[in-house]
Amino acid sequence: MTDVAITLLALLAGCVSLEVYFALRAPLGYQDEHGFHLGSETPECAEDCPGGPIL
């Protein structure tokens, strides 16, 4: 019974350490730089585009 508990604890610790590792190595995305926005990303030239703003 103790072997099962130690095995489960080791698996949990391994998963947590992998998650922390990948979270630290992840590149910054659009949501990270400007805060999280629901919906699609707005193009930077929305006001300057020849066809008007894209909705």
PDB file of N, CA and C in Angstrom:
ATOM      1  N   MET A   1       0.822  -1.191   0.000  1.00  0.00           N
ATOM      2  CA  MET A   1       0.000   0.000   0.000  1.00  0.00           C
ATOM      3  C   MET A   1       0.869   1.259   0.000  1.00  0.00           C
ATOM      4  N   THR A   2       1.951   1.217   0.759  1.00  0.00           N
ATOM      5  CA  THR A   2       2.857   2.362   0.812  1.00  0.00           C
ATOM      6  C   THR A   2       3.534   2.573  -0.535  1.00  0.00           C
ATOM      7  N   ASP A   3       3.843   1.487  -1.236  1.00  0.00           N
ATOM      8  CA  ASP A   3       4.472   1.592  -2.552  1.00  0.00           C
ATOM      9  C   ASP A   3       3.561   2.326  -3.538  1.00  0.00           C
ATOM     10  N   VAL A   4       2.281   2.037  -3.477  1.00  0.00           N
ATOM     11  CA  VAL A   4       1.319   2.690  -4.368  1.00  0.00           C
ATOM     12  C   VAL A   4       1.237   4.179  -4.055  1.00  0.00           C
ATOM     13  N   ALA A   5       1.221   4.521  -2.787  1.00  0.00           N
ATOM     14  CA  ALA A   5       1.145   5.926  -2.399  1.00  0.00           C
ATOM     15  C   ALA A   5       2.394   6.692  -2.827  1.00  0.00           C
ATOM     16  N   ILE A   6       3.557   6.078  -2.664  1.00  0.00           N
ATOM     17  CA  ILE A   6       4.803   6.727  -3.069  1.00  0.00           C
ATOM     18  C   ILE A   6       4.870   6.871  -4.587  1.00  0.00           C
ATOM     19  N   THR A   7       4.398   5.871  -5.318  1.00  0.00           N
ATOM     20  CA  THR A   7       4.380   5.934  -6.777  1.00  0.00           C
ATOM     21  C   THR A   7       3.466   7.049  -7.261  1.00  0.00           C
ATOM     22  N   LEU A   8       2.282   7.147  -6.681  1.00  0.00           N
ATOM     23  CA  LEU A   8       1.350   8.212  -7.063  1.00  0.00           C
ATOM     24  C   LEU A   8       1.901   9.595  -6.719  1.00  0.00           C
ATOM     25  N   LEU A   9       2.551   9.712  -5.589  1.00  0.00           N
ATOM     26  CA  LEU A   9       3.162  10.977  -5.196  1.00  0.00           C
ATOM     27  C   LEU A   9       4.290  11.362  -6.151  1.00  0.00           C
ATOM     28  N   ALA A  10       5.085  10.393  -6.581  1.00  0.00           N
ATOM     29  CA  ALA A  10       6.167  10.657  -7.533  1.00  0.00           C
ATOM     30  C   ALA A  10       5.614  11.077  -8.890  1.00  0.00           C
ATOM     31  N   LEU A  11       4.549  10.433  -9.347  1.00  0.00           N
ATOM     32  CA  LEU A  11       3.916  10.827 -10.608  1.00  0.00           C
ATOM     33  C   LEU A  11       3.350  12.240 -10.526  1.00  0.00           C
ATOM     34  N   LEU A  12       2.708  12.559  -9.428  1.00  0.00           N
ATOM     35  CA  LEU A  12       2.156  13.897  -9.239  1.00  0.00           C
ATOM     36  C   LEU A  12       3.260  14.955  -9.213  1.00  0.00           C
ATOM     37  N   ALA A  13       4.336  14.666  -8.507  1.00  0.00           N
ATOM     38  CA  ALA A  13       5.463  15.607  -8.449  1.00  0.00           C
ATOM     39  C   ALA A  13       6.090  15.788  -9.823  1.00  0.00           C
ATOM     40  N   GLY A  14       6.199  14.717 -10.582  1.00  0.00           N
ATOM     41  CA  GLY A  14       6.744  14.813 -11.942  1.00  0.00           C
ATOM     42  C   GLY A  14       5.870  15.653 -12.847  1.00  0.00           C
ATOM     43  N   CYS A  15       4.563  15.475 -12.754  1.00  0.00           N
ATOM     44  CA  CYS A  15       3.640  16.273 -13.579  1.00  0.00           C
ATOM     45  C   CYS A  15       3.706  17.744 -13.203  1.00  0.00           C
ATOM     46  N   VAL A  16       3.765  18.035 -11.929  1.00  0.00           N
ATOM     47  CA  VAL A  16       3.837  19.435 -11.491  1.00  0.00           C
ATOM     48  C   VAL A  16       5.140  20.076 -11.947  1.00  0.00           C
ATOM     49  N   SER A  17       6.244  19.351 -11.838  1.00  0.00           N
ATOM     50  CA  SER A  17       7.524  19.927 -12.245  1.00  0.00           C
ATOM     51  C   SER A  17       7.567  20.142 -13.761  1.00  0.00           C
ATOM     52  N   LEU A  18       6.979  19.242 -14.550  1.00  0.00           N
ATOM     53  CA  LEU A  18       6.906  19.454 -15.994  1.00  0.00           C
ATOM     54  C   LEU A  18       6.045  20.667 -16.337  1.00  0.00           C
ATOM     55  N   GLU A  19       4.944  20.820 -15.648  1.00  0.00           N
ATOM     56  CA  GLU A  19       4.065  21.958 -15.910  1.00  0.00           C
ATOM     57  C   GLU A  19       4.761  23.279 -15.580  1.00  0.00           C
ATOM     58  N   VAL A  20       5.482  23.323 -14.480  1.00  0.00           N
ATOM     59  CA  VAL A  20       6.222  24.540 -14.116  1.00  0.00           C
ATOM     60  C   VAL A  20       7.313  24.815 -15.140  1.00  0.00           C
ATOM     61  N   TYR A  21       8.020  23.785 -15.569  1.00  0.00           N
ATOM     62  CA  TYR A  21       9.087  23.944 -16.557  1.00  0.00           C
ATOM     63  C   TYR A  21       8.542  24.523 -17.859  1.00  0.00           C
ATOM     64  N   PHE A  22       7.460  23.960 -18.375  1.00  0.00           N
ATOM     65  CA  PHE A  22       6.907  24.446 -19.637  1.00  0.00           C
ATOM     66  C   PHE A  22       6.267  25.823 -19.490  1.00  0.00           C
ATOM     67  N   ALA A  23       5.731  26.132 -18.336  1.00  0.00           N
ATOM     68  CA  ALA A  23       5.163  27.466 -18.124  1.00  0.00           C
ATOM     69  C   ALA A  23       6.261  28.529 -18.114  1.00  0.00           C
ATOM     70  N   LEU A  24       7.419  28.204 -17.569  1.00  0.00           N
ATOM     71  CA  LEU A  24       8.525  29.157 -17.550  1.00  0.00           C
ATOM     72  C   LEU A  24       9.167  29.319 -18.925  1.00  0.00           C
ATOM     73  N   ARG A  25       9.128  28.277 -19.759  1.00  0.00           N
ATOM     74  CA  ARG A  25       9.760  28.322 -21.072  1.00  0.00           C
ATOM     75  C   ARG A  25       8.833  28.829 -22.165  1.00  0.00           C
ATOM     76  N   ALA A  26       7.558  29.052 -21.884  1.00  0.00           N
ATOM     77  CA  ALA A  26       6.600  29.462 -22.904  1.00  0.00           C
ATOM     78  C   ALA A  26       6.892  30.890 -23.359  1.00  0.00           C
ATOM     79  N   PRO A  27       6.801  31.154 -24.665  1.00  0.00           N
ATOM     80  CA  PRO A  27       7.012  32.514 -25.158  1.00  0.00           C
ATOM     81  C   PRO A  27       5.823  33.399 -24.811  1.00  0.00           C
ATOM     82  N   LEU A  28       6.071  34.693 -24.766  1.00  0.00           N
ATOM     83  CA  LEU A  28       4.978  35.623 -24.523  1.00  0.00           C
ATOM     84  C   LEU A  28       4.081  35.680 -25.747  1.00  0.00           C
ATOM     85  N   GLY A  29       2.804  35.673 -25.535  1.00  0.00           N
ATOM     86  CA  GLY A  29       1.853  35.765 -26.627  1.00  0.00           C
ATOM     87  C   GLY A  29       1.131  37.100 -26.597  1.00  0.00           C
ATOM     88  N   TYR A  30       0.206  37.256 -27.495  1.00  0.00           N
ATOM     89  CA  TYR A  30      -0.559  38.497 -27.595  1.00  0.00           C
ATOM     90  C   TYR A  30      -1.291  38.779 -26.281  1.00  0.00           C
ATOM     91  N   GLN A  31      -1.899  37.754 -25.696  1.00  0.00           N
ATOM     92  CA  GLN A  31      -2.656  37.949 -24.471  1.00  0.00           C
ATOM     93  C   GLN A  31      -1.747  38.330 -23.309  1.00  0.00           C
ATOM     94  N   ASP A  32      -0.516  37.841 -23.283  1.00  0.00           N
ATOM     95  CA  ASP A  32       0.399  38.140 -22.194  1.00  0.00           C
ATOM     96  C   ASP A  32       0.877  39.587 -22.239  1.00  0.00           C
ATOM     97  N   GLU A  33       1.082  40.135 -23.444  1.00  0.00           N
ATOM     98  CA  GLU A  33       1.619  41.483 -23.578  1.00  0.00           C
ATOM     99  C   GLU A  33       0.563  42.560 -23.330  1.00  0.00           C
ATOM    100  N   HIS A  34      -0.673  42.304 -23.724  1.00  0.00           N
ATOM    101  CA  HIS A  34      -1.714  43.335 -23.664  1.00  0.00           C
ATOM    102  C   HIS A  34      -2.876  42.975 -22.752  1.00  0.00           C
ATOM    103  N   GLY A  35      -2.763  41.944 -21.975  1.00  0.00           N
ATOM    104  CA  GLY A  35      -3.877  41.489 -21.152  1.00  0.00           C
ATOM    105  C   GLY A  35      -4.755  40.553 -21.953  1.00  0.00           C
ATOM    106  N   PHE A  36      -5.544  39.756 -21.288  1.00  0.00           N
ATOM    107  CA  PHE A  36      -6.360  38.755 -21.966  1.00  0.00           C
ATOM    108  C   PHE A  36      -7.608  39.395 -22.553  1.00  0.00           C
ATOM    109  N   HIS A  37      -7.852  39.138 -23.840  1.00  0.00           N
ATOM    110  CA  HIS A  37      -9.029  39.658 -24.522  1.00  0.00           C
ATOM    111  C   HIS A  37      -9.802  38.497 -25.130  1.00  0.00           C
ATOM    112  N   LEU A  38     -11.090  38.475 -24.906  1.00  0.00           N
ATOM    113  CA  LEU A  38     -11.917  37.458 -25.543  1.00  0.00           C
ATOM    114  C   LEU A  38     -12.164  37.865 -26.987  1.00  0.00           C
ATOM    115  N   GLY A  39     -12.216  36.920 -27.869  1.00  0.00           N
ATOM    116  CA  GLY A  39     -12.452  37.213 -29.278  1.00  0.00           C
ATOM    117  C   GLY A  39     -11.158  37.181 -30.071  1.00  0.00           C
ATOM    118  N   SER A  40     -11.241  37.673 -31.309  1.00  0.00           N
ATOM    119  CA  SER A  40     -10.083  37.614 -32.190  1.00  0.00           C
ATOM    120  C   SER A  40      -9.167  38.810 -31.987  1.00  0.00           C
ATOM    121  N   GLU A  41      -7.953  38.654 -32.465  1.00  0.00           N
ATOM    122  CA  GLU A  41      -6.948  39.697 -32.351  1.00  0.00           C
ATOM    123  C   GLU A  41      -7.231  40.791 -33.387  1.00  0.00           C
ATOM    124  N   THR A  42      -7.234  42.051 -32.966  1.00  0.00           N
ATOM    125  CA  THR A  42      -7.477  43.171 -33.862  1.00  0.00           C
ATOM    126  C   THR A  42      -6.184  43.534 -34.574  1.00  0.00           C
ATOM    127  N   PRO A  43      -6.224  43.705 -35.905  1.00  0.00           N
ATOM    128  CA  PRO A  43      -5.000  44.102 -36.598  1.00  0.00           C
ATOM    129  C   PRO A  43      -4.566  45.509 -36.189  1.00  0.00           C
ATOM    130  N   GLU A  44      -3.264  45.760 -36.230  1.00  0.00           N
ATOM    131  CA  GLU A  44      -2.747  47.058 -35.801  1.00  0.00           C
ATOM    132  C   GLU A  44      -3.164  48.182 -36.740  1.00  0.00           C
ATOM    133  N   CYS A  45      -3.411  47.872 -38.001  1.00  0.00           N
ATOM    134  CA  CYS A  45      -3.753  48.917 -38.971  1.00  0.00           C
ATOM    135  C   CYS A  45      -5.263  49.047 -39.153  1.00  0.00           C
ATOM    136  N   ALA A  46      -6.052  48.753 -38.143  1.00  0.00           N
ATOM    137  CA  ALA A  46      -7.510  48.760 -38.292  1.00  0.00           C
ATOM    138  C   ALA A  46      -8.033  50.116 -38.748  1.00  0.00           C
ATOM    139  N   GLU A  47      -7.477  51.207 -38.235  1.00  0.00           N
ATOM    140  CA  GLU A  47      -7.954  52.530 -38.625  1.00  0.00           C
ATOM    141  C   GLU A  47      -7.336  52.980 -39.945  1.00  0.00           C
ATOM    142  N   ASP A  48      -6.141  52.499 -40.279  1.00  0.00           N
ATOM    143  CA  ASP A  48      -5.411  52.971 -41.449  1.00  0.00           C
ATOM    144  C   ASP A  48      -5.614  52.078 -42.670  1.00  0.00           C
ATOM    145  N   CYS A  49      -6.329  50.985 -42.544  1.00  0.00           N
ATOM    146  CA  CYS A  49      -6.514  50.087 -43.688  1.00  0.00           C
ATOM    147  C   CYS A  49      -7.323  50.775 -44.761  1.00  0.00           C
ATOM    148  N   PRO A  50      -7.026  50.531 -46.044  1.00  0.00           N
ATOM    149  CA  PRO A  50      -7.728  51.200 -47.142  1.00  0.00           C
ATOM    150  C   PRO A  50      -9.234  50.913 -47.165  1.00  0.00           C
ATOM    151  N   GLY A  51      -9.638  49.746 -46.766  1.00  0.00           N
ATOM    152  CA  GLY A  51     -11.057  49.391 -46.814  1.00  0.00           C
ATOM    153  C   GLY A  51     -11.815  49.794 -45.563  1.00  0.00           C
ATOM    154  N   GLY A  52     -11.211  50.520 -44.672  1.00  0.00           N
ATOM    155  CA  GLY A  52     -11.849  50.895 -43.414  1.00  0.00           C
ATOM    156  C   GLY A  52     -11.542  49.864 -42.347  1.00  0.00           C
ATOM    157  N   PRO A  53     -12.076  50.073 -41.151  1.00  0.00           N
ATOM    158  CA  PRO A  53     -11.799  49.134 -40.061  1.00  0.00           C
ATOM    159  C   PRO A  53     -12.423  47.769 -40.332  1.00  0.00           C
ATOM    160  N   ILE A  54     -11.725  46.737 -39.925  1.00  0.00           N
ATOM    161  CA  ILE A  54     -12.221  45.368 -40.071  1.00  0.00           C
ATOM    162  C   ILE A  54     -12.971  45.006 -38.799  1.00  0.00           C
ATOM    163  N   LEU A  55     -14.204  44.594 -38.949  1.00  0.00           N
ATOM    164  CA  LEU A  55     -15.015  44.262 -37.776  1.00  0.00           C
ATOM    165  C   LEU A  55     -15.058  42.791 -37.574  1.00  0.00           C
TER     166      LEU A  55
END
